[in-house]
C-alpha cells in the first residue's frame, strides 16, 4: 500500500511521524514522508522517500518569537502562530497535492493544514496524529490553556472548542480558497472541519504514553493513546570522542538545551545557565539546537554541541533541563532521569506540569520568569531528591516496555477498509 505521511513544523513534529513511517515500511508498505525542505536529509538518511512541502519551518519559529515578544496577551500570541502557519497554506496545499497523487492513505499532524482536504479529494483513508492531547475532554483543559486552577469539566471541554475555532477562523478563508482553486472542492462551512472529522469518525492517534497520560474516559473509541513513537539513533552512529571523554571525566553532567526554540536573548540565557551550573557545582552539556543557546566561550566543566541523539545522551545524565517540547519530554521520561522544564510557548507548560505532577521533575519555570536563582533551586532539587529519581527510573522502565509504533501500525491496519 502507498502511504503519504504529511507533517510540518519543528523536529518534534516530524521525528515521531518518521518513526511511524519506518514502522509502516517494515510492515510492507511503501511510505513517503512529506515535510518542510529543512528535513529532507534527515528523512532520507533513515530510508524513507521524501517530498518537500511548504517553506522553512525554522523561520516560522524565529518569526513567532520575534512577533510574540511584542505582546503579553496569550490570545494574541496564538493568533500570531496561526497567522504564520496560515500564510504557508497555499504552498503547502499545492506541494502536498502534487506529491499525493498516487497515495492510498494519508496520515497527518495538526500543523499540516492541507492534508485532511487532500484525503477528502482523493477519497482515501485519513488518520490524524497528535503529539499532545487535543481531542475534546472534560478531564483537563486544552494543552494551550494550561492553568493552575481546576475550573471543572464544562470549562475544560469548552477550551477545546475555543482552540478549534480560533485556529479555523484564522485560516478559514485561505483554506477554503485553496480547496476551491487547487482541489476543486466546495468550501468547508463556518463551523469548521473538526465537526466533519467527528461525523466521519476519523481515527485519532495520540503518540504519548498511557503511563504518562492515560486515555480520558470520555474520549471516543476512535481516539487512541498508543505510546510514544521513538526514533532511535542509527545503528552506525558513533558519538564524538570528545563528548565521550567529557562524560567519562567526572560525575554525570546535566544536559541543557531547548530544542527547536529560538531565543531573542540567547547570549543572556546561556550566561544564566552557566552561572547556575557554577553555583550548583554541576557539570553541563549544552545542546545549542535552533538558537535557544548561544556559542559563547565555555568553562572546562561545560561541553557544547549542536545536537546528539537523546536516546544515547539522556540515560547518562543526572538531570535534563529542557523546554517541555513533546519529543524532548518523551526522551527524558524514557531515560528515567529527572526533568527541569523551562516552557517557552504552545504546549510546553502543559507537559511541564504533567512531568511535575508525576513527581519525576521540578515545577516548570516559564521562560519569561526564569532567573539564575530559580534554575539553581530546581537543579539542586532534581539532583538531590532521591524519591524523584526513583520515580523517574520506574516510569522510564514502563515507557521502555511499550512499543507505540507497533501499536499505531496495528490500529492503522484495523481502520483500513477490507484490510
Protein backbone atom coordinates (compact mmCIF):
# COMPACT_ATOMS: atom_id res chain seq x y z
CA UNK A 1 0.00 0.00 0.00
CA UNK A 2 1.23 3.51 -0.84
CA UNK A 3 1.05 5.79 2.21
CA UNK A 4 1.85 9.51 2.41
CA UNK A 5 2.68 10.98 5.81
CA UNK A 6 2.42 14.77 5.86
CA UNK A 7 3.92 16.64 8.81
CA UNK A 8 5.40 20.11 9.17
CA UNK A 9 6.83 22.20 11.99
CA UNK A 10 9.77 21.51 14.27
CA UNK A 11 11.77 18.33 14.63
CA UNK A 12 9.45 17.35 17.48
CA UNK A 13 6.58 17.35 14.97
CA UNK A 14 8.45 15.41 12.29
CA UNK A 15 10.51 12.82 14.17
CA UNK A 16 7.62 10.78 15.64
CA UNK A 17 5.95 10.57 12.22
CA UNK A 18 9.25 9.40 10.73
CA UNK A 19 9.36 6.64 13.34
CA UNK A 20 5.80 5.65 12.43
CA UNK A 21 6.71 5.69 8.74
CA UNK A 22 9.57 3.28 9.36
CA UNK A 23 7.18 1.01 11.25
CA UNK A 24 4.74 1.03 8.34
CA UNK A 25 7.58 0.39 5.89
CA UNK A 26 8.68 -2.61 7.97
CA UNK A 27 5.08 -3.86 7.75
CA UNK A 28 5.39 -3.96 3.95
CA UNK A 29 4.02 -0.59 2.87
CA UNK A 30 5.59 1.97 0.53
CA UNK A 31 5.87 5.12 2.61
CA UNK A 32 6.58 8.70 1.59
CA UNK A 33 7.09 11.43 4.19
CA UNK A 34 6.26 14.96 3.05
CA UNK A 35 7.59 17.80 5.19
CA UNK A 36 9.44 21.10 5.23
CA UNK A 37 12.54 21.06 2.97
CA UNK A 38 14.80 21.52 6.02
CA UNK A 39 14.11 17.89 6.99
CA UNK A 40 14.95 16.27 3.63
CA UNK A 41 18.39 14.92 4.58
CA UNK A 42 17.10 13.77 7.97
CA UNK A 43 14.25 11.75 6.44
CA UNK A 44 16.25 10.31 3.56
CA UNK A 45 19.05 9.25 5.90
CA UNK A 46 16.59 6.93 7.62
CA UNK A 47 15.47 5.30 4.39
CA UNK A 48 12.09 6.89 3.63
CA UNK A 49 11.10 8.65 0.43
CA UNK A 50 10.78 12.40 0.89
CA UNK A 51 8.71 15.15 -0.70
CA UNK A 52 9.14 18.86 0.14
CA UNK A 53 6.07 20.65 1.47
CA UNK A 54 5.85 24.31 2.40
CA UNK A 55 8.78 26.53 3.31
CA UNK A 56 11.44 26.74 6.03
CA UNK A 57 9.80 25.96 9.37
CA UNK A 58 12.85 27.22 11.25
CA UNK A 59 11.86 30.67 10.01
CA UNK A 60 8.35 30.12 11.45
CA UNK A 61 9.89 29.74 14.89
CA UNK A 62 12.03 32.85 14.51
CA UNK A 63 9.06 34.88 13.26
CA UNK A 64 6.85 33.65 16.09
CA UNK A 65 9.25 34.62 18.86
CA UNK A 66 10.10 37.95 17.21
CA UNK A 67 6.44 38.92 16.83
CA UNK A 68 5.08 37.43 20.05
CA UNK A 69 7.72 39.24 22.11
CA UNK A 70 5.79 42.46 21.42
CA UNK A 71 2.70 41.35 23.34
CA UNK A 72 1.88 39.77 26.69
CA UNK A 73 -1.53 38.56 25.54
CA UNK A 74 -1.78 34.76 25.29
CA UNK A 75 -4.60 35.14 22.77
CA UNK A 76 -2.52 37.46 20.61
CA UNK A 77 0.37 35.01 20.68
CA UNK A 78 -1.90 32.20 19.46
CA UNK A 79 -3.22 34.42 16.69
CA UNK A 80 0.35 35.18 15.62
CA UNK A 81 1.17 31.46 15.48
CA UNK A 82 -1.80 30.54 13.31
CA UNK A 83 -1.32 33.52 11.03
CA UNK A 84 2.28 32.47 10.40
CA UNK A 85 1.27 28.88 9.69
CA UNK A 86 -1.77 30.03 7.72
CA UNK A 87 0.40 32.17 5.44
CA UNK A 88 2.00 28.97 4.12
CA UNK A 89 -1.25 27.13 3.35
CA UNK A 90 -1.31 27.78 -0.39
CA UNK A 91 2.20 26.50 -0.96
CA UNK A 92 1.60 23.64 1.49
CA UNK A 93 -1.62 22.65 -0.28
CA UNK A 94 -0.03 22.79 -3.74
CA UNK A 95 3.05 20.81 -2.72
CA UNK A 96 1.11 18.21 -0.75
CA UNK A 97 -1.42 17.77 -3.56
CA UNK A 98 1.32 17.25 -6.14
CA UNK A 99 3.12 14.60 -4.10
CA UNK A 100 -0.02 12.69 -3.09
CA UNK A 101 -1.42 11.79 -6.50
CA UNK A 102 -0.89 8.03 -6.24
CA UNK A 103 -1.27 7.64 -2.47
CA UNK A 104 -3.78 5.21 -0.97
CA UNK A 105 -3.83 6.57 2.60
CA UNK A 106 -2.81 9.81 4.30
CA UNK A 107 -1.51 10.32 7.82
CA UNK A 108 -1.01 13.85 9.07
CA UNK A 109 -0.10 16.03 12.06
CA UNK A 110 -2.04 19.10 13.32
CA UNK A 111 0.07 21.86 11.74
CA UNK A 112 -0.44 20.30 8.32
CA UNK A 113 -3.47 22.32 7.31
CA UNK A 114 -3.67 20.77 3.82
CA UNK A 115 -3.64 17.01 4.38
CA UNK A 116 -7.22 16.41 5.52
CA UNK A 117 -8.60 18.22 2.47
CA UNK A 118 -6.35 16.30 0.08
CA UNK A 119 -7.52 12.99 1.55
CA UNK A 120 -11.11 14.17 1.04
CA UNK A 121 -10.39 14.96 -2.62
CA UNK A 122 -8.66 11.63 -3.23
CA UNK A 123 -11.26 9.66 -1.29
CA UNK A 124 -8.60 7.75 0.65
CA UNK A 125 -8.42 6.75 4.35
CA UNK A 126 -7.14 9.56 6.56
CA UNK A 127 -5.58 9.40 10.04
CA UNK A 128 -4.90 12.31 12.39
CA UNK A 129 -1.90 12.08 14.72
CA UNK A 130 -1.36 14.18 17.83
CA UNK A 131 1.72 14.54 19.99
CA UNK A 132 -0.42 16.35 22.60
CA UNK A 133 -3.96 15.54 23.78
CA UNK A 134 -6.02 17.97 21.70
CA UNK A 135 -9.10 15.75 21.46
CA UNK A 136 -12.01 17.21 23.43
CA UNK A 137 -12.32 16.04 27.02
CA UNK A 138 -13.71 17.14 30.36
CA UNK A 139 -10.71 15.65 32.16
CA UNK A 140 -8.33 18.57 31.64
CA UNK A 141 -8.19 21.78 29.58
CA UNK A 142 -6.67 22.03 26.12
CA UNK A 143 -2.85 21.94 26.33
CA UNK A 144 -2.74 25.54 25.16
CA UNK A 145 -4.94 26.51 28.13
CA UNK A 146 -2.82 25.06 30.91
CA UNK A 147 -3.86 26.59 34.22
CA UNK A 148 -3.00 26.09 37.86
CA UNK A 149 -6.73 26.25 38.64
CA UNK A 150 -9.27 23.46 38.23
CA UNK A 151 -12.30 25.14 36.68
CA UNK A 152 -14.28 21.97 36.01
CA UNK A 153 -15.29 19.68 33.20
CA UNK A 154 -17.51 22.03 31.24
CA UNK A 155 -14.82 24.69 31.13
CA UNK A 156 -12.22 22.11 30.15
CA UNK A 157 -14.25 20.90 27.19
CA UNK A 158 -15.02 24.44 26.05
CA UNK A 159 -11.30 25.24 25.84
CA UNK A 160 -11.03 22.67 23.03
CA UNK A 161 -13.94 24.22 21.15
CA UNK A 162 -12.34 27.65 21.58
CA UNK A 163 -8.94 26.49 20.28
CA UNK A 164 -10.50 24.68 17.33
CA UNK A 165 -12.50 27.73 16.31
CA UNK A 166 -9.58 30.12 16.83
CA UNK A 167 -7.42 28.05 14.51
CA UNK A 168 -10.21 27.57 11.99
CA UNK A 169 -11.39 31.18 11.83
CA UNK A 170 -7.80 32.44 11.38
CA UNK A 171 -7.14 30.06 8.49
CA UNK A 172 -10.65 29.51 7.06
CA UNK A 173 -10.51 31.95 4.16
CA UNK A 174 -7.18 30.75 2.78
CA UNK A 175 -8.05 27.08 3.26
CA UNK A 176 -11.41 27.44 1.53
CA UNK A 177 -9.84 29.39 -1.32
CA UNK A 178 -7.26 26.63 -1.79
CA UNK A 179 -9.98 23.98 -1.62
CA UNK A 180 -11.82 25.70 -4.44
CA UNK A 181 -8.88 26.75 -6.63
CA UNK A 182 -6.48 23.84 -6.17
CA UNK A 183 -8.65 20.88 -5.18
CA UNK A 184 -11.92 21.94 -6.85
CA UNK A 185 -13.80 21.20 -3.63
CA UNK A 186 -16.63 23.20 -2.05
CA UNK A 187 -15.73 25.39 0.93
CA UNK A 188 -15.93 24.00 4.44
CA UNK A 189 -18.79 25.52 6.49
CA UNK A 190 -18.01 28.23 9.02
CA UNK A 191 -18.24 25.67 11.86
CA UNK A 192 -15.03 24.11 10.56
CA UNK A 193 -13.63 20.74 9.59
CA UNK A 194 -13.45 19.48 13.19
CA UNK A 195 -17.18 18.76 13.01
CA UNK A 196 -16.56 16.91 9.75
CA UNK A 197 -13.87 14.80 11.40
CA UNK A 198 -16.35 13.78 14.09
CA UNK A 199 -19.02 12.84 11.54
CA UNK A 200 -16.53 10.79 9.54
CA UNK A 201 -15.21 9.02 12.66
CA UNK A 202 -11.63 9.84 11.68
CA UNK A 203 -9.12 7.71 13.66
CA UNK A 204 -7.13 9.85 16.12
CA UNK A 205 -3.72 8.50 17.11
CA UNK A 206 -2.12 10.15 20.16
CA UNK A 207 1.57 9.27 20.32
CA UNK A 208 2.30 9.59 24.02
CA UNK A 209 2.49 7.01 26.77
CA UNK A 210 -0.56 5.86 28.72
CA UNK A 211 1.83 5.63 31.67
CA UNK A 212 2.27 9.41 31.39
CA UNK A 213 -1.24 10.44 30.38
CA UNK A 214 -3.93 7.72 30.31
CA UNK A 215 -6.77 7.93 27.80
CA UNK A 216 -9.59 10.07 29.25
CA UNK A 217 -12.80 8.13 29.86
CA UNK A 218 -14.86 10.47 27.68
CA UNK A 219 -12.74 10.11 24.54
CA UNK A 220 -14.46 8.26 21.68
CA UNK A 221 -13.47 4.75 20.68
CA UNK A 222 -11.69 6.08 17.59
CA UNK A 223 -9.22 8.01 19.80
CA UNK A 224 -6.17 6.00 20.85
CA UNK A 225 -3.20 6.51 23.16
CA UNK A 226 -0.60 4.32 21.51
CA UNK A 227 2.58 5.01 23.45
CA UNK A 228 5.45 7.17 22.20
CA UNK A 229 6.83 6.83 18.68
CA UNK A 230 10.55 6.84 19.32
CA UNK A 231 13.19 7.16 16.61
CA UNK A 232 16.41 5.75 17.99
CA UNK A 233 19.85 6.63 16.69
CA UNK A 234 21.11 4.83 13.57
CA UNK A 235 22.99 1.59 14.21
CA UNK A 236 26.19 3.02 12.73
CA UNK A 237 26.09 6.29 14.67
CA UNK A 238 29.09 7.00 16.87
CA UNK A 239 29.34 9.85 19.40
CA UNK A 240 32.18 12.37 19.11
CA UNK A 241 35.13 11.09 21.10
CA UNK A 242 35.48 14.46 22.82
CA UNK A 243 31.96 14.13 24.20
CA UNK A 244 32.58 10.56 25.37
CA UNK A 245 35.75 11.69 27.14
CA UNK A 246 33.97 14.64 28.75
CA UNK A 247 31.19 12.49 30.19
CA UNK A 248 33.70 9.94 31.50
CA UNK A 249 35.91 12.60 33.11
CA UNK A 250 33.68 13.29 36.12
CA UNK A 251 30.27 12.99 37.72
CA UNK A 252 27.22 12.63 35.41
CA UNK A 253 26.52 16.02 33.83
CA UNK A 254 23.26 17.92 33.36
CA UNK A 255 22.07 18.22 29.77
CA UNK A 256 20.68 21.68 28.95
CA UNK A 257 19.00 22.52 25.67
CA UNK A 258 15.83 23.99 24.27
CA UNK A 259 15.48 22.06 21.03
CA UNK A 260 13.86 23.92 18.16
CA UNK A 261 13.15 27.02 20.22
CA UNK A 262 14.74 30.30 19.25
CA UNK A 263 15.55 32.88 21.92
CA UNK A 264 15.92 36.59 21.28
CA UNK A 265 18.29 36.78 24.25
CA UNK A 266 20.28 33.60 23.60
CA UNK A 267 23.54 35.01 24.97
CA UNK A 268 21.94 36.17 28.21
CA UNK A 269 20.15 32.82 28.58
CA UNK A 270 23.43 30.96 28.08
CA UNK A 271 25.18 33.09 30.69
CA UNK A 272 22.30 32.46 33.12
CA UNK A 273 22.64 28.70 32.59
CA UNK A 274 26.40 28.81 33.09
CA UNK A 275 26.04 30.80 36.32
CA UNK A 276 23.55 28.23 37.62
CA UNK A 277 25.98 25.40 36.85
CA UNK A 278 28.77 27.23 38.67
CA UNK A 279 26.54 27.91 41.70
CA UNK A 280 25.43 24.26 41.93
CA UNK A 281 28.90 22.88 41.13
CA UNK A 282 27.46 20.77 38.31
CA UNK A 283 28.98 19.77 35.01
CA UNK A 284 26.91 20.56 31.94
CA UNK A 285 26.35 19.65 28.29
CA UNK A 286 24.78 22.44 26.25
CA UNK A 287 22.70 21.44 23.22
CA UNK A 288 22.54 24.62 21.14
CA UNK A 289 19.72 23.47 18.82
CA UNK A 290 17.95 26.10 16.69
CA UNK A 291 19.17 29.07 18.66
CA UNK A 292 17.97 28.67 22.22
CA UNK A 293 21.56 28.90 23.43
CA UNK A 294 24.48 30.86 22.00
CA UNK A 295 28.02 29.87 21.10
CA UNK A 296 29.94 31.83 23.74
CA UNK A 297 33.18 30.62 25.28
CA UNK A 298 32.63 27.94 27.90
CA UNK A 299 34.46 26.85 31.05
CA UNK A 300 36.11 23.43 31.25
CA UNK A 301 33.18 21.87 33.11
CA UNK A 302 30.78 22.53 30.22
CA UNK A 303 30.68 20.83 26.82
CA UNK A 304 28.84 22.32 23.85
CA UNK A 305 27.37 20.50 20.86
CA UNK A 306 24.62 21.34 18.38
CA UNK A 307 22.68 18.11 18.89
CA UNK A 308 23.18 14.47 19.82
CA UNK A 309 20.75 11.53 19.87
CA UNK A 310 18.70 11.78 23.06
CA UNK A 311 18.43 8.01 23.46
CA UNK A 312 22.24 7.87 23.80
CA UNK A 313 22.79 11.03 25.85
CA UNK A 314 19.98 11.33 28.39
CA UNK A 315 20.44 7.99 30.23
CA UNK A 316 23.95 9.17 31.11
CA UNK A 317 22.76 12.44 32.64
CA UNK A 318 21.89 13.23 36.25
CA UNK A 319 19.06 15.53 35.07
CA UNK A 320 17.90 17.30 31.91
CA UNK A 321 16.93 20.96 31.56
CA UNK A 322 14.64 21.39 28.54
CA UNK A 323 11.74 23.39 27.13
CA UNK A 324 9.00 20.83 27.62
CA UNK A 325 8.56 20.01 23.94
CA UNK A 326 6.79 16.72 23.39
CA UNK A 327 9.72 14.91 21.80
CA UNK A 328 12.31 16.01 24.33
CA UNK A 329 9.96 15.36 27.24
CA UNK A 330 9.32 11.85 25.96
CA UNK A 331 13.04 11.16 25.61
CA UNK A 332 13.80 12.36 29.14
CA UNK A 333 10.96 10.29 30.61
CA UNK A 334 12.14 7.18 28.79
CA UNK A 335 15.69 7.76 30.01
CA UNK A 336 14.43 7.65 33.59
CA UNK A 337 16.09 10.85 34.81
CA UNK A 338 14.51 13.95 36.40
CA UNK A 339 13.32 16.86 34.24
CA UNK A 340 13.70 20.58 34.79
CA UNK A 341 11.32 22.22 32.33
CA UNK A 342 11.59 25.80 31.11
CA UNK A 343 8.49 26.20 28.90
CA UNK A 344 8.78 28.69 26.05
CA UNK A 345 5.37 28.55 24.34
CA UNK A 346 2.46 26.49 22.98
CA UNK A 347 2.01 23.18 24.86
CA UNK A 348 5.29 23.33 26.81
CA UNK A 349 3.62 24.43 30.09
CA UNK A 350 1.19 21.52 29.81
CA UNK A 351 3.96 18.95 29.58
CA UNK A 352 6.00 20.74 32.25
CA UNK A 353 3.10 20.49 34.69
CA UNK A 354 2.41 16.90 33.68
CA UNK A 355 6.01 15.94 34.45
CA UNK A 356 5.85 17.74 37.81
CA UNK A 357 2.50 16.12 38.71
CA UNK A 358 4.04 12.69 38.09
CA UNK A 359 6.79 13.57 40.58
CA UNK A 360 9.55 12.99 38.02
CA UNK A 361 10.56 16.62 37.59
CA UNK A 362 10.57 20.01 39.24
CA UNK A 363 7.79 22.57 38.87
CA UNK A 364 8.11 24.26 35.46
CA UNK A 365 9.73 27.68 35.26
CA UNK A 366 8.28 29.69 32.40
CA UNK A 367 10.99 31.13 30.16
CA UNK A 368 9.78 34.68 30.87
CA UNK A 369 10.13 34.02 34.61
CA UNK A 370 13.48 32.24 34.50
CA UNK A 371 16.25 33.52 36.75
CA UNK A 372 19.54 32.04 37.81
CA UNK A 373 18.21 31.68 41.35
CA UNK A 374 15.17 29.68 40.22
CA UNK A 375 17.26 27.45 37.99
CA UNK A 376 19.75 26.86 40.82
CA UNK A 377 16.93 25.79 43.13
CA UNK A 378 15.49 23.44 40.50
CA UNK A 379 18.88 21.87 39.76
CA UNK A 380 19.51 21.27 43.45
CA UNK A 381 16.14 19.58 43.82
CA UNK A 382 16.48 17.42 40.70
CA UNK A 383 19.96 16.24 41.63
CA UNK A 384 19.30 15.54 45.32
CA UNK A 385 15.69 14.34 45.60
CA UNK A 386 16.11 10.55 45.80
CA UNK A 387 12.36 9.91 45.69
CA UNK A 388 12.09 11.91 42.47
CA UNK A 389 14.98 9.98 40.97
CA UNK A 390 13.36 6.66 41.93
CA UNK A 391 10.01 7.66 40.39
CA UNK A 392 11.77 8.74 37.20
CA UNK A 393 13.56 5.39 36.97
CA UNK A 394 10.32 3.42 37.44
CA UNK A 395 8.44 5.49 34.86
CA UNK A 396 11.33 5.12 32.43
CA UNK A 397 11.14 1.35 32.76
CA UNK A 398 7.40 1.39 32.00
CA UNK A 399 7.86 3.55 28.93
CA UNK A 400 10.72 1.41 27.64
CA UNK A 401 8.44 -1.65 27.86
CA UNK A 402 5.90 -0.05 25.49
CA UNK A 403 6.01 -0.18 21.68
CA UNK A 404 3.98 2.76 20.49
CA UNK A 405 4.91 2.37 16.83
CA UNK A 406 3.79 -1.26 16.72
CA UNK A 407 0.52 -0.31 18.41
CA UNK A 408 -0.06 2.52 15.91
CA UNK A 409 0.64 0.26 12.93
CA UNK A 410 -1.88 -2.25 14.28
CA UNK A 411 -4.51 0.50 14.66
CA UNK A 412 -3.74 1.78 11.15
CA UNK A 413 -4.45 -1.65 9.73
CA UNK A 414 -7.58 -2.10 11.83
CA UNK A 415 -9.16 1.02 10.32
CA UNK A 416 -8.31 0.21 6.70
CA UNK A 417 -11.37 -0.83 4.69
CA UNK A 418 -11.20 -4.50 3.70
CA UNK A 419 -7.72 -4.97 5.17
